[in-house]
Amino acid sequence: MELRHLRYFVAVAEQQSFTRAAEKLFIAQPPLSRQIQQLEEELGVQLFERGSRPLKLTEAGQFFYGHAQQLLAKAADLKSMTQRISHVEQNLVAGFVASTLYGMLPRIIYSWRQQYPDIPITLHEMSTTEQISALKEGRIDVGFGRLRIEDSLVRRIILRTEKLVVALPPGHRLAGSVEALNLADVVDEPLIIFPNKPRPSFADQVLSIFADRSLKPERIIEVRELQIALGLVAAGEGISIVPNSLYGMLRNDIHFMPLNDPNAVSPIIMSMRQHDHSENLHKLLEIIYSLYDKAGIAYTRENV
């Protein structure tokens, strides 16, 4: 069985006609029919209901169709990823979620440019979900996000976990009332979460933290991005749960308070293609660990 057999089969299944599939594939119909017949003989099953108009898949054909689509998609991903690997030593393309800009990412990028001025690094803001697709399509080489998204073609390194804090409006009754807040203290407050799409996102991470503690926010306001959430907090529209790296922001219109919950954290995750062991990724990880050491940030060292 070869990939062309899968492509031919999928074309016939989707067009529900040998004639239309042959036109789409730019081949004559008799060779196409022979290829499908050979595939059925190799599998020992009938994939199409003969004589049906339009052409229909048998139960075995429907099963085979779903898996054929997955294999063709993985083959396409493999092609794009391999092509990207051939260029990765000349430059580095990174995706990032916006909230990581308030942490160590700017210093990481600056250090890269200082140490490797001959290897350009390009940045693209994108959600963690978008990063996974971009890695497989060869559009980026590494992603920095916060969600644990499983994909067999992508591997992840959890660089560190970051504590979450509560962003309160100025003059809020809870601001400065205690050294740290519990989630139960703010569950009745309007909760501003971000981003509202694509999902899943950091918003779902925050909601799951409440759910894990059997808490349900009284009212939820979904917004597009972090800065809008902070603007609404400053306007007194509600509170927001944000990464600790925002704690040091020079804003007098928002009061940040720590959470009295050691498990209320958000991971910083570095994602890359499963079998990409390029020198650039190794260099990037060494820069990250070096900066973490200097900043006294706890982490678990892993190799690319």
C-alpha atoms as a PDB file:
ATOM      1  CA  MET A   1       0.000   0.000   0.000  1.00  0.00           C
ATOM      2  CA  GLU A   2       1.394   3.393  -1.020  1.00  0.00           C
ATOM      3  CA  LEU A   3       0.372   6.970  -0.325  1.00  0.00           C
ATOM      4  CA  ARG A   4      -0.966   7.318  -3.868  1.00  0.00           C
ATOM      5  CA  HIS A   5      -3.444   4.531  -3.141  1.00  0.00           C
ATOM      6  CA  LEU A   6      -4.690   6.520  -0.152  1.00  0.00           C
ATOM      7  CA  ARG A   7      -4.941   9.714  -2.194  1.00  0.00           C
ATOM      8  CA  TYR A   8      -6.869   7.938  -4.952  1.00  0.00           C
ATOM      9  CA  PHE A   9      -9.218   6.287  -2.466  1.00  0.00           C
ATOM     10  CA  VAL A  10      -9.923   9.537  -0.578  1.00  0.00           C
ATOM     11  CA  ALA A  11     -10.604  11.373  -3.862  1.00  0.00           C
ATOM     12  CA  VAL A  12     -13.137   8.745  -4.964  1.00  0.00           C
ATOM     13  CA  ALA A  13     -14.767   8.692  -1.521  1.00  0.00           C
ATOM     14  CA  GLU A  14     -15.122  12.474  -1.442  1.00  0.00           C
ATOM     15  CA  GLN A  15     -16.249  12.885  -5.048  1.00  0.00           C
ATOM     16  CA  GLN A  16     -18.551   9.821  -4.784  1.00  0.00           C
ATOM     17  CA  SER A  17     -17.682   9.116  -8.400  1.00  0.00           C
ATOM     18  CA  PHE A  18     -14.757   7.527 -10.225  1.00  0.00           C
ATOM     19  CA  THR A  19     -15.263   9.939 -13.135  1.00  0.00           C
ATOM     20  CA  ARG A  20     -15.139  13.121 -11.028  1.00  0.00           C
ATOM     21  CA  ALA A  21     -12.260  11.778  -8.924  1.00  0.00           C
ATOM     22  CA  ALA A  22     -10.255  10.983 -12.083  1.00  0.00           C
ATOM     23  CA  GLU A  23     -10.815  14.553 -13.326  1.00  0.00           C
ATOM     24  CA  LYS A  24      -9.685  15.970  -9.977  1.00  0.00           C
ATOM     25  CA  LEU A  25      -6.571  13.778  -9.960  1.00  0.00           C
ATOM     26  CA  PHE A  26      -5.811  14.493 -13.644  1.00  0.00           C
ATOM     27  CA  ILE A  27      -5.661  10.803 -14.526  1.00  0.00           C
ATOM     28  CA  ALA A  28      -7.793   8.568 -16.725  1.00  0.00           C
ATOM     29  CA  GLN A  29     -10.631   6.651 -15.108  1.00  0.00           C
ATOM     30  CA  PRO A  30      -9.512   3.064 -16.004  1.00  0.00           C
ATOM     31  CA  PRO A  31      -6.122   3.378 -14.181  1.00  0.00           C
ATOM     32  CA  LEU A  32      -7.900   4.908 -11.190  1.00  0.00           C
ATOM     33  CA  SER A  33     -10.372   2.024 -11.046  1.00  0.00           C
ATOM     34  CA  ARG A  34      -7.499  -0.470 -11.228  1.00  0.00           C
ATOM     35  CA  GLN A  35      -5.682   1.271  -8.349  1.00  0.00           C
ATOM     36  CA  ILE A  36      -8.792   1.079  -6.142  1.00  0.00           C
ATOM     37  CA  GLN A  37      -9.292  -2.568  -7.099  1.00  0.00           C
ATOM     38  CA  GLN A  38      -5.668  -3.335  -6.177  1.00  0.00           C
ATOM     39  CA  LEU A  39      -6.176  -1.589  -2.830  1.00  0.00           C
ATOM     40  CA  GLU A  40      -9.285  -3.655  -2.091  1.00  0.00           C
ATOM     41  CA  GLU A  41      -7.489  -6.852  -3.066  1.00  0.00           C
ATOM     42  CA  GLU A  42      -4.576  -6.000  -0.755  1.00  0.00           C
ATOM     43  CA  LEU A  43      -6.915  -5.220   2.130  1.00  0.00           C
ATOM     44  CA  GLY A  44      -9.162  -8.164   1.387  1.00  0.00           C
ATOM     45  CA  VAL A  45     -12.305  -6.042   1.801  1.00  0.00           C
ATOM     46  CA  GLN A  46     -14.720  -4.131  -0.409  1.00  0.00           C
ATOM     47  CA  LEU A  47     -14.465  -0.389   0.177  1.00  0.00           C
ATOM     48  CA  PHE A  48     -17.288   0.824  -2.061  1.00  0.00           C
ATOM     49  CA  GLU A  49     -20.823  -0.405  -2.613  1.00  0.00           C
ATOM     50  CA  ARG A  50     -20.757  -1.319  -6.272  1.00  0.00           C
ATOM     51  CA  GLY A  51     -23.683  -0.099  -8.329  1.00  0.00           C
ATOM     52  CA  SER A  52     -24.725   2.641  -5.905  1.00  0.00           C
ATOM     53  CA  ARG A  53     -25.293   6.098  -7.346  1.00  0.00           C
ATOM     54  CA  PRO A  54     -23.787   8.244  -5.998  1.00  0.00           C
ATOM     55  CA  LEU A  55     -20.983   5.925  -4.965  1.00  0.00           C
ATOM     56  CA  LYS A  56     -21.165   4.978  -1.272  1.00  0.00           C
ATOM     57  CA  LEU A  57     -18.614   3.583   1.141  1.00  0.00           C
ATOM     58  CA  THR A  58     -19.092   0.240   2.832  1.00  0.00           C
ATOM     59  CA  GLU A  59     -18.723   0.074   6.621  1.00  0.00           C
ATOM     60  CA  ALA A  60     -15.108  -1.026   6.126  1.00  0.00           C
ATOM     61  CA  GLY A  61     -14.660   1.799   3.632  1.00  0.00           C
ATOM     62  CA  GLN A  62     -15.888   4.388   6.139  1.00  0.00           C
ATOM     63  CA  PHE A  63     -13.411   3.085   8.718  1.00  0.00           C
ATOM     64  CA  PHE A  64     -10.578   3.128   6.186  1.00  0.00           C
ATOM     65  CA  TYR A  65     -11.525   6.628   4.978  1.00  0.00           C
ATOM     66  CA  GLY A  66     -11.097   8.198   8.425  1.00  0.00           C
ATOM     67  CA  HIS A  67      -7.662   6.673   8.926  1.00  0.00           C
ATOM     68  CA  ALA A  68      -6.571   7.419   5.342  1.00  0.00           C
ATOM     69  CA  GLN A  69      -7.326  11.112   5.914  1.00  0.00           C
ATOM     70  CA  GLN A  70      -5.208  11.117   9.079  1.00  0.00           C
ATOM     71  CA  LEU A  71      -2.280   9.414   7.354  1.00  0.00           C
ATOM     72  CA  LEU A  72      -2.374  11.844   4.427  1.00  0.00           C
ATOM     73  CA  ALA A  73      -2.519  14.802   6.816  1.00  0.00           C
ATOM     74  CA  LYS A  74       0.486  13.469   8.753  1.00  0.00           C
ATOM     75  CA  ALA A  75       2.363  12.934   5.488  1.00  0.00           C
ATOM     76  CA  ALA A  76       1.699  16.562   4.523  1.00  0.00           C
ATOM     77  CA  ASP A  77       2.842  17.739   7.970  1.00  0.00           C
ATOM     78  CA  LEU A  78       5.988  15.633   7.687  1.00  0.00           C
ATOM     79  CA  LYS A  79       6.811  17.205   4.336  1.00  0.00           C
ATOM     80  CA  SER A  80       6.423  20.789   5.580  1.00  0.00           C
ATOM     81  CA  MET A  81       8.304  20.099   8.825  1.00  0.00           C
ATOM     82  CA  THR A  82      11.202  18.468   6.980  1.00  0.00           C
ATOM     83  CA  GLN A  83      11.415  21.405   4.591  1.00  0.00           C
ATOM     84  CA  ARG A  84      11.501  23.793   7.563  1.00  0.00           C
ATOM     85  CA  ILE A  85      14.268  21.796   9.266  1.00  0.00           C
ATOM     86  CA  SER A  86      16.521  22.388   6.254  1.00  0.00           C
ATOM     87  CA  HIS A  87      16.344  26.152   6.877  1.00  0.00           C
ATOM     88  CA  VAL A  88      16.270  26.267  10.657  1.00  0.00           C
ATOM     89  CA  GLU A  89      20.019  26.831  11.089  1.00  0.00           C
ATOM     90  CA  GLN A  90      19.839  30.047   9.038  1.00  0.00           C
ATOM     91  CA  ASN A  91      17.138  31.658  11.163  1.00  0.00           C
ATOM     92  CA  LEU A  92      14.765  31.002  14.051  1.00  0.00           C
ATOM     93  CA  VAL A  93      11.033  31.720  14.004  1.00  0.00           C
ATOM     94  CA  ALA A  94       9.166  31.764  17.315  1.00  0.00           C
ATOM     95  CA  GLY A  95       5.498  31.966  18.214  1.00  0.00           C
ATOM     96  CA  PHE A  96       4.383  33.327  21.583  1.00  0.00           C
ATOM     97  CA  VAL A  97       1.256  34.083  23.574  1.00  0.00           C
ATOM     98  CA  ALA A  98       0.991  37.737  24.560  1.00  0.00           C
ATOM     99  CA  SER A  99       1.194  37.175  28.322  1.00  0.00           C
ATOM    100  CA  THR A 100       4.737  35.764  28.032  1.00  0.00           C
ATOM    101  CA  LEU A 101       5.968  39.239  27.002  1.00  0.00           C
ATOM    102  CA  TYR A 102       5.520  40.356  30.601  1.00  0.00           C
ATOM    103  CA  GLY A 103       7.889  37.677  31.855  1.00  0.00           C
ATOM    104  CA  MET A 104      11.299  36.518  30.721  1.00  0.00           C
ATOM    105  CA  LEU A 105      10.638  36.233  26.970  1.00  0.00           C
ATOM    106  CA  PRO A 106      11.875  39.753  26.048  1.00  0.00           C
ATOM    107  CA  ARG A 107      15.164  39.108  27.889  1.00  0.00           C
ATOM    108  CA  ILE A 108      15.480  35.709  26.194  1.00  0.00           C
ATOM    109  CA  ILE A 109      15.056  37.257  22.741  1.00  0.00           C
ATOM    110  CA  TYR A 110      17.419  40.121  23.567  1.00  0.00           C
ATOM    111  CA  SER A 111      20.082  37.669  24.787  1.00  0.00           C
ATOM    112  CA  TRP A 112      19.713  35.609  21.610  1.00  0.00           C
ATOM    113  CA  ARG A 113      20.296  38.673  19.451  1.00  0.00           C
ATOM    114  CA  GLN A 114      23.321  39.641  21.517  1.00  0.00           C
ATOM    115  CA  GLN A 115      24.894  36.178  21.414  1.00  0.00           C
ATOM    116  CA  TYR A 116      23.925  35.139  17.880  1.00  0.00           C
ATOM    117  CA  PRO A 117      23.641  38.310  15.779  1.00  0.00           C
ATOM    118  CA  ASP A 118      24.177  36.303  12.581  1.00  0.00           C
ATOM    119  CA  ILE A 119      21.097  34.124  13.202  1.00  0.00           C
ATOM    120  CA  PRO A 120      17.961  36.286  12.860  1.00  0.00           C
ATOM    121  CA  ILE A 121      15.032  35.533  15.158  1.00  0.00           C
ATOM    122  CA  THR A 122      11.484  36.452  14.135  1.00  0.00           C
ATOM    123  CA  LEU A 123       8.504  36.656  16.503  1.00  0.00           C
ATOM    124  CA  HIS A 124       4.825  36.010  15.808  1.00  0.00           C
ATOM    125  CA  GLU A 125       2.057  36.426  18.376  1.00  0.00           C
ATOM    126  CA  MET A 126      -0.294  33.433  18.270  1.00  0.00           C
ATOM    127  CA  SER A 127      -2.297  31.285  20.648  1.00  0.00           C
ATOM    128  CA  THR A 128      -0.922  27.954  21.858  1.00  0.00           C
ATOM    129  CA  THR A 129      -3.367  26.140  19.563  1.00  0.00           C
ATOM    130  CA  GLU A 130      -2.184  28.206  16.602  1.00  0.00           C
ATOM    131  CA  GLN A 131       1.431  27.474  17.546  1.00  0.00           C
ATOM    132  CA  ILE A 132       0.843  23.718  17.290  1.00  0.00           C
ATOM    133  CA  SER A 133      -0.527  24.089  13.756  1.00  0.00           C
ATOM    134  CA  ALA A 134       2.271  26.486  12.788  1.00  0.00           C
ATOM    135  CA  LEU A 135       4.924  24.048  14.037  1.00  0.00           C
ATOM    136  CA  LYS A 136       3.483  21.199  11.984  1.00  0.00           C
ATOM    137  CA  GLU A 137       3.128  23.407   8.916  1.00  0.00           C
ATOM    138  CA  GLY A 138       6.732  24.596   9.225  1.00  0.00           C
ATOM    139  CA  ARG A 139       5.824  28.263   9.776  1.00  0.00           C
ATOM    140  CA  ILE A 140       7.579  28.492  13.152  1.00  0.00           C
ATOM    141  CA  ASP A 141      10.387  26.547  14.843  1.00  0.00           C
ATOM    142  CA  VAL A 142       9.461  27.017  18.484  1.00  0.00           C
ATOM    143  CA  GLY A 143       6.447  28.205  20.447  1.00  0.00           C
ATOM    144  CA  PHE A 144       6.014  29.689  23.918  1.00  0.00           C
ATOM    145  CA  GLY A 145       2.568  29.130  25.391  1.00  0.00           C
ATOM    146  CA  ARG A 146       0.667  28.125  28.508  1.00  0.00           C
ATOM    147  CA  LEU A 147      -1.598  25.244  27.479  1.00  0.00           C
ATOM    148  CA  ARG A 148      -0.799  21.534  27.597  1.00  0.00           C
ATOM    149  CA  ILE A 149      -1.979  20.439  24.152  1.00  0.00           C
ATOM    150  CA  GLU A 150      -1.196  16.851  23.217  1.00  0.00           C
ATOM    151  CA  ASP A 151       0.003  16.152  19.671  1.00  0.00           C
ATOM    152  CA  SER A 152       2.180  13.242  18.582  1.00  0.00           C
ATOM    153  CA  LEU A 153       4.129  15.481  16.182  1.00  0.00           C
ATOM    154  CA  VAL A 154       4.987  18.105  18.803  1.00  0.00           C
ATOM    155  CA  ARG A 155       7.007  17.788  21.994  1.00  0.00           C
ATOM    156  CA  ARG A 156       6.875  20.161  24.915  1.00  0.00           C
ATOM    157  CA  ILE A 157       9.192  21.305  27.669  1.00  0.00           C
ATOM    158  CA  ILE A 158       7.578  22.876  30.726  1.00  0.00           C
ATOM    159  CA  LEU A 159      10.123  25.591  31.420  1.00  0.00           C
ATOM    160  CA  ARG A 160       8.597  26.657  34.732  1.00  0.00           C
ATOM    161  CA  THR A 161       5.290  27.321  36.457  1.00  0.00           C
ATOM    162  CA  GLU A 162       4.207  30.871  37.194  1.00  0.00           C
ATOM    163  CA  LYS A 163       1.987  31.843  40.103  1.00  0.00           C
ATOM    164  CA  LEU A 164      -1.308  33.535  39.357  1.00  0.00           C
ATOM    165  CA  VAL A 165      -2.414  36.764  41.020  1.00  0.00           C
ATOM    166  CA  VAL A 166      -5.650  38.740  41.257  1.00  0.00           C
ATOM    167  CA  ALA A 167      -5.988  42.069  39.459  1.00  0.00           C
ATOM    168  CA  LEU A 168      -8.374  44.362  41.363  1.00  0.00           C
ATOM    169  CA  PRO A 169      -9.772  47.830  40.600  1.00  0.00           C
ATOM    170  CA  PRO A 170      -8.332  50.712  42.637  1.00  0.00           C
ATOM    171  CA  GLY A 171     -10.078  51.146  45.960  1.00  0.00           C
ATOM    172  CA  HIS A 172     -11.607  47.666  45.860  1.00  0.00           C
ATOM    173  CA  ARG A 173     -12.747  46.418  49.265  1.00  0.00           C
ATOM    174  CA  LEU A 174     -10.255  43.521  49.070  1.00  0.00           C
ATOM    175  CA  ALA A 175      -7.266  45.588  47.964  1.00  0.00           C
ATOM    176  CA  GLY A 176      -4.663  45.397  50.715  1.00  0.00           C
ATOM    177  CA  SER A 177      -7.140  43.863  53.158  1.00  0.00           C
ATOM    178  CA  VAL A 178      -4.962  40.794  53.679  1.00  0.00           C
ATOM    179  CA  GLU A 179      -1.554  39.636  52.492  1.00  0.00           C
ATOM    180  CA  ALA A 180      -3.042  37.099  50.055  1.00  0.00           C
ATOM    181  CA  LEU A 181      -6.499  36.213  48.765  1.00  0.00           C
ATOM    182  CA  ASN A 182      -8.295  32.915  48.362  1.00  0.00           C
ATOM    183  CA  LEU A 183     -10.249  32.185  45.188  1.00  0.00           C
ATOM    184  CA  ALA A 184     -13.356  31.916  47.373  1.00  0.00           C
ATOM    185  CA  ASP A 185     -12.854  35.597  48.281  1.00  0.00           C
ATOM    186  CA  VAL A 186     -13.418  36.687  44.671  1.00  0.00           C
ATOM    187  CA  VAL A 187     -15.873  34.072  43.380  1.00  0.00           C
ATOM    188  CA  ASP A 188     -18.786  36.524  43.726  1.00  0.00           C
ATOM    189  CA  GLU A 189     -16.971  39.237  41.766  1.00  0.00           C
ATOM    190  CA  PRO A 190     -17.455  39.637  37.984  1.00  0.00           C
ATOM    191  CA  LEU A 191     -14.563  37.619  36.509  1.00  0.00           C
ATOM    192  CA  ILE A 192     -12.905  38.995  33.372  1.00  0.00           C
ATOM    193  CA  ILE A 193     -11.209  36.222  31.381  1.00  0.00           C
ATOM    194  CA  PHE A 194      -9.123  36.273  28.203  1.00  0.00           C
ATOM    195  CA  PRO A 195      -8.803  35.470  25.368  1.00  0.00           C
ATOM    196  CA  ASN A 196     -12.338  34.638  24.284  1.00  0.00           C
ATOM    197  CA  LYS A 197     -11.052  32.800  21.197  1.00  0.00           C
ATOM    198  CA  PRO A 198      -9.598  30.596  19.911  1.00  0.00           C
ATOM    199  CA  ARG A 199     -10.392  28.064  22.614  1.00  0.00           C
ATOM    200  CA  PRO A 200      -9.074  26.325  24.597  1.00  0.00           C
ATOM    201  CA  SER A 201      -7.024  29.186  25.988  1.00  0.00           C
ATOM    202  CA  PHE A 202      -5.718  30.766  29.192  1.00  0.00           C
ATOM    203  CA  ALA A 203      -9.370  31.601  29.928  1.00  0.00           C
ATOM    204  CA  ASP A 204     -10.167  27.892  30.256  1.00  0.00           C
ATOM    205  CA  GLN A 205      -7.108  27.427  32.449  1.00  0.00           C
ATOM    206  CA  VAL A 206      -8.442  30.039  34.880  1.00  0.00           C
ATOM    207  CA  LEU A 207     -11.959  28.582  34.844  1.00  0.00           C
ATOM    208  CA  SER A 208     -10.603  25.091  35.518  1.00  0.00           C
ATOM    209  CA  ILE A 209      -8.743  26.372  38.583  1.00  0.00           C
ATOM    210  CA  PHE A 210     -12.055  27.599  39.999  1.00  0.00           C
ATOM    211  CA  ALA A 211     -13.822  24.361  39.007  1.00  0.00           C
ATOM    212  CA  ASP A 212     -11.115  22.212  40.635  1.00  0.00           C
ATOM    213  CA  ARG A 213     -11.952  23.923  43.915  1.00  0.00           C
ATOM    214  CA  SER A 214     -15.724  23.478  43.415  1.00  0.00           C
ATOM    215  CA  LEU A 215     -16.140  27.207  42.816  1.00  0.00           C
ATOM    216  CA  LYS A 216     -18.223  28.846  40.114  1.00  0.00           C
ATOM    217  CA  PRO A 217     -17.772  32.570  39.380  1.00  0.00           C
ATOM    218  CA  GLU A 218     -20.981  34.537  39.747  1.00  0.00           C
ATOM    219  CA  ARG A 219     -20.532  36.336  36.423  1.00  0.00           C
ATOM    220  CA  ILE A 220     -18.015  35.839  33.619  1.00  0.00           C
ATOM    221  CA  ILE A 221     -16.953  38.503  31.123  1.00  0.00           C
ATOM    222  CA  GLU A 222     -14.967  37.227  28.128  1.00  0.00           C
ATOM    223  CA  VAL A 223     -12.676  39.635  26.270  1.00  0.00           C
ATOM    224  CA  ARG A 224     -10.305  39.366  23.343  1.00  0.00           C
ATOM    225  CA  GLU A 225      -6.954  39.954  25.027  1.00  0.00           C
ATOM    226  CA  LEU A 226      -5.038  40.754  28.180  1.00  0.00           C
ATOM    227  CA  GLN A 227      -4.852  44.538  27.801  1.00  0.00           C
ATOM    228  CA  ILE A 228      -8.626  44.794  27.384  1.00  0.00           C
ATOM    229  CA  ALA A 229      -9.077  42.702  30.534  1.00  0.00           C
ATOM    230  CA  LEU A 230      -6.769  45.015  32.489  1.00  0.00           C
ATOM    231  CA  GLY A 231      -8.534  48.091  31.120  1.00  0.00           C
ATOM    232  CA  LEU A 232     -11.897  46.764  32.301  1.00  0.00           C
ATOM    233  CA  VAL A 233     -10.427  45.954  35.719  1.00  0.00           C
ATOM    234  CA  ALA A 234      -9.140  49.532  35.987  1.00  0.00           C
ATOM    235  CA  ALA A 235     -12.621  50.764  35.015  1.00  0.00           C
ATOM    236  CA  GLY A 236     -14.159  48.811  37.879  1.00  0.00           C
ATOM    237  CA  GLU A 237     -15.954  46.260  35.698  1.00  0.00           C
ATOM    238  CA  GLY A 238     -14.629  43.286  37.630  1.00  0.00           C
ATOM    239  CA  ILE A 239     -11.516  41.379  38.633  1.00  0.00           C
ATOM    240  CA  SER A 240      -9.159  39.199  36.618  1.00  0.00           C
ATOM    241  CA  ILE A 241      -6.773  36.334  37.327  1.00  0.00           C
ATOM    242  CA  VAL A 242      -3.443  37.003  35.615  1.00  0.00           C
ATOM    243  CA  PRO A 243       0.146  35.673  35.612  1.00  0.00           C
ATOM    244  CA  ASN A 244       2.436  36.876  38.385  1.00  0.00           C
ATOM    245  CA  SER A 245       4.767  38.510  35.836  1.00  0.00           C
ATOM    246  CA  LEU A 246       2.226  41.363  35.569  1.00  0.00           C
ATOM    247  CA  TYR A 247       2.661  42.075  39.288  1.00  0.00           C
ATOM    248  CA  GLY A 248       5.469  44.529  38.667  1.00  0.00           C
ATOM    249  CA  MET A 249       3.625  46.609  36.063  1.00  0.00           C
ATOM    250  CA  LEU A 250       3.814  50.325  36.761  1.00  0.00           C
ATOM    251  CA  ARG A 251       0.059  50.952  36.891  1.00  0.00           C
ATOM    252  CA  ASN A 252      -1.607  52.981  39.634  1.00  0.00           C
ATOM    253  CA  ASP A 253      -5.087  52.070  38.411  1.00  0.00           C
ATOM    254  CA  ILE A 254      -4.813  48.327  39.191  1.00  0.00           C
ATOM    255  CA  HIS A 255      -4.011  46.599  42.476  1.00  0.00           C
ATOM    256  CA  PHE A 256      -2.380  43.179  42.176  1.00  0.00           C
ATOM    257  CA  MET A 257      -2.682  40.715  45.048  1.00  0.00           C
ATOM    258  CA  PRO A 258      -1.168  37.238  45.416  1.00  0.00           C
ATOM    259  CA  LEU A 259      -3.314  34.142  45.771  1.00  0.00           C
ATOM    260  CA  ASN A 260      -3.078  32.008  48.882  1.00  0.00           C
ATOM    261  CA  ASP A 261      -3.064  28.862  46.758  1.00  0.00           C
ATOM    262  CA  PRO A 262       0.208  27.149  45.753  1.00  0.00           C
ATOM    263  CA  ASN A 263      -1.565  25.214  42.996  1.00  0.00           C
ATOM    264  CA  ALA A 264      -3.010  28.285  41.285  1.00  0.00           C
ATOM    265  CA  VAL A 265      -0.269  28.418  38.669  1.00  0.00           C
ATOM    266  CA  SER A 266       0.150  28.664  34.920  1.00  0.00           C
ATOM    267  CA  PRO A 267       2.980  26.825  33.130  1.00  0.00           C
ATOM    268  CA  ILE A 268       5.328  28.365  30.593  1.00  0.00           C
ATOM    269  CA  ILE A 269       5.665  25.731  27.875  1.00  0.00           C
ATOM    270  CA  MET A 270       8.211  25.590  25.057  1.00  0.00           C
ATOM    271  CA  SER A 271       6.925  23.566  22.101  1.00  0.00           C
ATOM    272  CA  MET A 272       8.856  22.266  19.095  1.00  0.00           C
ATOM    273  CA  ARG A 273       8.573  19.598  16.430  1.00  0.00           C
ATOM    274  CA  GLN A 274       8.886  16.086  17.842  1.00  0.00           C
ATOM    275  CA  HIS A 275      12.144  15.129  16.125  1.00  0.00           C
ATOM    276  CA  ASP A 276      13.697  18.566  15.691  1.00  0.00           C
ATOM    277  CA  HIS A 277      17.043  18.504  17.509  1.00  0.00           C
ATOM    278  CA  SER A 278      18.615  21.467  15.754  1.00  0.00           C
ATOM    279  CA  GLU A 279      21.539  23.356  17.248  1.00  0.00           C
ATOM    280  CA  ASN A 280      19.457  26.535  17.357  1.00  0.00           C
ATOM    281  CA  LEU A 281      16.927  25.014  19.744  1.00  0.00           C
ATOM    282  CA  HIS A 282      19.742  23.767  21.962  1.00  0.00           C
ATOM    283  CA  LYS A 283      21.269  27.268  22.034  1.00  0.00           C
ATOM    284  CA  LEU A 284      17.892  28.823  22.850  1.00  0.00           C
ATOM    285  CA  LEU A 285      17.292  26.475  25.761  1.00  0.00           C
ATOM    286  CA  GLU A 286      20.748  27.194  27.187  1.00  0.00           C
ATOM    287  CA  ILE A 287      20.001  30.932  27.078  1.00  0.00           C
ATOM    288  CA  ILE A 288      16.713  30.353  28.912  1.00  0.00           C
ATOM    289  CA  TYR A 289      18.306  28.280  31.660  1.00  0.00           C
ATOM    290  CA  SER A 290      21.139  30.756  32.063  1.00  0.00           C
ATOM    291  CA  LEU A 291      18.686  33.629  32.539  1.00  0.00           C
ATOM    292  CA  TYR A 292      16.596  31.571  34.956  1.00  0.00           C
ATOM    293  CA  ASP A 293      19.725  30.863  37.010  1.00  0.00           C
ATOM    294  CA  LYS A 294      20.588  34.562  37.177  1.00  0.00           C
ATOM    295  CA  ALA A 295      17.022  35.486  38.157  1.00  0.00           C
ATOM    296  CA  GLY A 296      16.791  32.719  40.767  1.00  0.00           C
ATOM    297  CA  ILE A 297      13.818  31.110  39.003  1.00  0.00           C
ATOM    298  CA  ALA A 298      13.205  27.453  39.836  1.00  0.00           C
ATOM    299  CA  TYR A 299      12.991  25.087  36.856  1.00  0.00           C
ATOM    300  CA  THR A 300      13.649  21.502  35.807  1.00  0.00           C
ATOM    301  CA  ARG A 301      16.436  21.207  33.243  1.00  0.00           C
ATOM    302  CA  GLU A 302      15.643  19.205  30.116  1.00  0.00           C
ATOM    303  CA  ASN A 303      17.582  18.658  26.909  1.00  0.00           C
ATOM    304  CA  VAL A 304      16.305  19.397  23.424  1.00  0.00           C
END
